[in-house]
Amino acid sequence: MSTDDLASVLTEDHLVLSRICTELETDHTSPENRREVADHLIAQLVRHEVAEEPHLPLGPALCGVDDLMRRLEGLGPQEARFERLLATLIHAVRQHLREAGPAVTGLRNRCPADRLKELGQEVLKARQAADSLPHPAIADRTPPDALLRTGPGFVDRVRAALTAVR
């Protein structure tokens, strides 16, 4: 089985998301570190959604999760709402991981291996290109190092960078 076919890419995403959730659930270090890990979870979740959306329904667990991530963007890690919203996000991610396993298996069963490989390579290329691609609407006004800086607009900037190369 290929490690760069779409099903393998999505499965690897699920493992990464699970590890980040576990880190947030078990590691209660400094608020700044929790903010960094939460931002990492948000970025990974957005890149996973962009890869999965065209091929599989995201399911009820991730409905409304973009709004939740945007609300988290504007909060400081010391705020009580930050931890409540983060716990809600982790719960949604965990639910998605439980729901998505059978869907990925179904994808493997109904899609030819060569097509899965082609789709997986498209996703991986888009991710590589997104690392350096600015959002078209702000590229001429925003310094490049600020494009993927966390904070307000982070979810939208990550999503825009990933979808612009499709």
Protein backbone atom coordinates (compact mmCIF):
# COMPACT_ATOMS: atom_id res chain seq x y z
CA MET A 1 0.00 0.00 0.00
CA SER A 2 1.28 3.44 -0.95
CA THR A 3 2.00 5.99 1.75
CA ASP A 4 1.15 8.89 -0.52
CA ASP A 5 -2.26 7.81 -1.71
CA LEU A 6 -5.21 9.90 -0.53
CA ALA A 7 -6.43 7.34 2.00
CA SER A 8 -2.95 7.11 3.56
CA VAL A 9 -2.59 10.90 3.63
CA LEU A 10 -5.95 11.25 5.43
CA THR A 11 -5.09 8.42 7.83
CA GLU A 12 -1.77 10.08 8.66
CA ASP A 13 -3.62 13.38 9.22
CA HIS A 14 -5.90 11.58 11.67
CA LEU A 15 -2.91 10.22 13.60
CA VAL A 16 -1.32 13.68 13.76
CA LEU A 17 -4.58 15.26 14.95
CA SER A 18 -4.95 12.58 17.61
CA ARG A 19 -1.40 13.16 18.87
CA ILE A 20 -1.93 16.92 19.12
CA CYS A 21 -5.22 16.41 21.00
CA THR A 22 -3.47 14.03 23.41
CA GLU A 23 -0.74 16.59 23.98
CA LEU A 24 -3.32 19.26 24.80
CA GLU A 25 -5.26 16.89 27.05
CA THR A 26 -2.24 15.73 29.06
CA ASP A 27 0.23 18.62 29.03
CA HIS A 28 -0.74 21.62 31.13
CA THR A 29 2.43 23.66 30.83
CA SER A 30 2.55 27.38 30.35
CA PRO A 31 -0.42 29.16 28.77
CA GLU A 32 1.85 30.33 25.95
CA ASN A 33 2.81 26.74 25.14
CA ARG A 34 -0.85 25.70 25.17
CA ARG A 35 -1.60 28.56 22.78
CA GLU A 36 1.16 27.36 20.42
CA VAL A 37 -0.11 23.77 20.51
CA ALA A 38 -3.70 24.95 20.03
CA ASP A 39 -2.60 26.97 16.99
CA HIS A 40 -0.81 23.89 15.69
CA LEU A 41 -4.04 21.89 16.11
CA ILE A 42 -5.99 24.57 14.24
CA ALA A 43 -3.51 24.67 11.35
CA GLN A 44 -3.43 20.87 11.08
CA LEU A 45 -7.21 20.63 11.23
CA VAL A 46 -7.68 23.23 8.49
CA ARG A 47 -5.16 21.53 6.22
CA HIS A 48 -6.90 18.21 6.89
CA GLU A 49 -10.33 19.67 6.12
CA VAL A 50 -9.05 21.10 2.84
CA ALA A 51 -7.68 17.67 1.86
CA GLU A 52 -10.76 15.74 2.95
CA GLU A 53 -13.66 18.01 1.91
CA PRO A 54 -13.56 17.29 -1.84
CA HIS A 55 -13.56 13.51 -1.31
CA LEU A 56 -15.47 12.73 1.87
CA PRO A 57 -18.25 14.44 3.77
CA LEU A 58 -16.75 16.00 6.90
CA GLY A 59 -19.64 14.74 8.98
CA PRO A 60 -21.50 16.34 11.84
CA ALA A 61 -18.52 16.46 14.21
CA LEU A 62 -16.81 19.19 12.20
CA CYS A 63 -19.91 21.26 11.44
CA GLY A 64 -19.34 24.64 13.01
CA VAL A 65 -15.72 23.91 13.82
CA ASP A 66 -14.46 26.80 11.64
CA ASP A 67 -16.47 29.24 13.76
CA LEU A 68 -15.08 27.62 16.89
CA MET A 69 -11.50 27.94 15.61
CA ARG A 70 -12.08 31.60 14.72
CA ARG A 71 -13.40 32.29 18.22
CA LEU A 72 -10.30 30.65 19.68
CA GLU A 73 -8.03 32.85 17.52
CA GLY A 74 -8.98 36.00 19.37
CA LEU A 75 -8.56 34.67 22.89
CA GLY A 76 -5.53 34.78 25.09
CA PRO A 77 -4.49 31.47 26.64
CA GLN A 78 -5.09 32.80 30.16
CA GLU A 79 -8.78 33.42 29.50
CA ALA A 80 -11.20 30.85 30.90
CA ARG A 81 -13.12 30.79 27.62
CA PHE A 82 -9.94 29.70 25.84
CA GLU A 83 -9.85 26.39 27.74
CA ARG A 84 -13.59 25.79 27.31
CA LEU A 85 -13.46 26.42 23.56
CA LEU A 86 -10.30 24.35 23.22
CA ALA A 87 -11.96 21.44 25.04
CA THR A 88 -14.93 21.73 22.67
CA LEU A 89 -12.59 21.73 19.66
CA ILE A 90 -10.72 18.68 20.94
CA HIS A 91 -14.03 16.89 21.48
CA ALA A 92 -15.10 17.69 17.89
CA VAL A 93 -11.78 16.47 16.50
CA ARG A 94 -11.99 13.23 18.50
CA GLN A 95 -15.55 12.66 17.27
CA HIS A 96 -14.44 13.29 13.68
CA LEU A 97 -11.64 10.76 14.07
CA ARG A 98 -14.13 8.12 15.24
CA GLU A 99 -16.51 8.89 12.35
CA ALA A 100 -13.90 9.18 9.60
CA GLY A 101 -12.16 5.82 9.92
CA PRO A 102 -14.91 3.88 8.12
CA ALA A 103 -15.22 6.65 5.51
CA VAL A 104 -11.51 6.38 4.64
CA THR A 105 -11.86 2.59 4.39
CA GLY A 106 -14.83 3.12 2.09
CA LEU A 107 -12.75 5.48 -0.03
CA ARG A 108 -10.14 2.72 -0.44
CA ASN A 109 -12.84 0.23 -1.43
CA ARG A 110 -14.57 2.39 -4.04
CA CYS A 111 -11.68 4.26 -5.65
CA PRO A 112 -9.01 2.63 -7.84
CA ALA A 113 -5.52 2.59 -6.33
CA ASP A 114 -4.00 4.66 -9.14
CA ARG A 115 -6.65 7.37 -8.67
CA LEU A 116 -6.08 7.38 -4.88
CA LYS A 117 -2.36 7.83 -5.50
CA GLU A 118 -3.00 10.67 -7.94
CA LEU A 119 -5.32 12.44 -5.46
CA GLY A 120 -2.86 11.93 -2.60
CA GLN A 121 -0.03 13.45 -4.61
CA GLU A 122 -2.25 16.44 -5.49
CA VAL A 123 -2.94 17.04 -1.79
CA LEU A 124 0.75 16.76 -0.88
CA LYS A 125 1.77 19.15 -3.69
CA ALA A 126 -0.86 21.67 -2.60
CA ARG A 127 0.45 21.53 0.95
CA GLN A 128 4.01 22.12 -0.18
CA ALA A 129 3.01 25.06 -2.35
CA ALA A 130 0.88 26.54 0.42
CA ASP A 131 3.91 26.83 2.68
CA SER A 132 5.13 29.75 0.59
CA LEU A 133 2.01 31.00 -1.15
CA PRO A 134 0.51 34.23 0.18
CA HIS A 135 -3.21 34.91 0.20
CA PRO A 136 -3.88 36.66 -3.13
CA ALA A 137 -5.95 39.44 -1.56
CA ILE A 138 -3.29 40.48 0.93
CA ALA A 139 0.03 39.53 -0.64
CA ASP A 140 0.78 43.04 -1.79
CA ARG A 141 0.01 44.61 1.59
CA THR A 142 1.24 42.10 4.15
CA PRO A 143 4.84 41.15 4.92
CA PRO A 144 5.40 37.48 3.95
CA ASP A 145 6.39 36.45 7.48
CA ALA A 146 3.03 37.71 8.79
CA LEU A 147 0.86 35.70 6.41
CA LEU A 148 0.79 32.53 8.51
CA ARG A 149 1.25 34.20 11.88
CA THR A 150 -1.35 33.03 14.37
CA GLY A 151 -4.05 35.31 15.69
CA PRO A 152 -7.13 36.83 14.07
CA GLY A 153 -7.56 35.59 10.52
CA PHE A 154 -5.26 32.58 11.02
CA VAL A 155 -7.88 29.99 10.02
CA ASP A 156 -8.78 31.92 6.89
CA ARG A 157 -5.15 32.50 5.90
CA VAL A 158 -4.28 28.80 6.26
CA ARG A 159 -7.39 27.74 4.32
CA ALA A 160 -6.73 30.34 1.59
CA ALA A 161 -3.10 29.30 1.21
CA LEU A 162 -4.08 25.64 0.85
CA THR A 163 -6.96 26.15 -1.56
CA ALA A 164 -5.24 28.72 -3.77
CA VAL A 165 -2.96 26.07 -5.26
CA ARG A 166 -5.73 23.64 -6.23
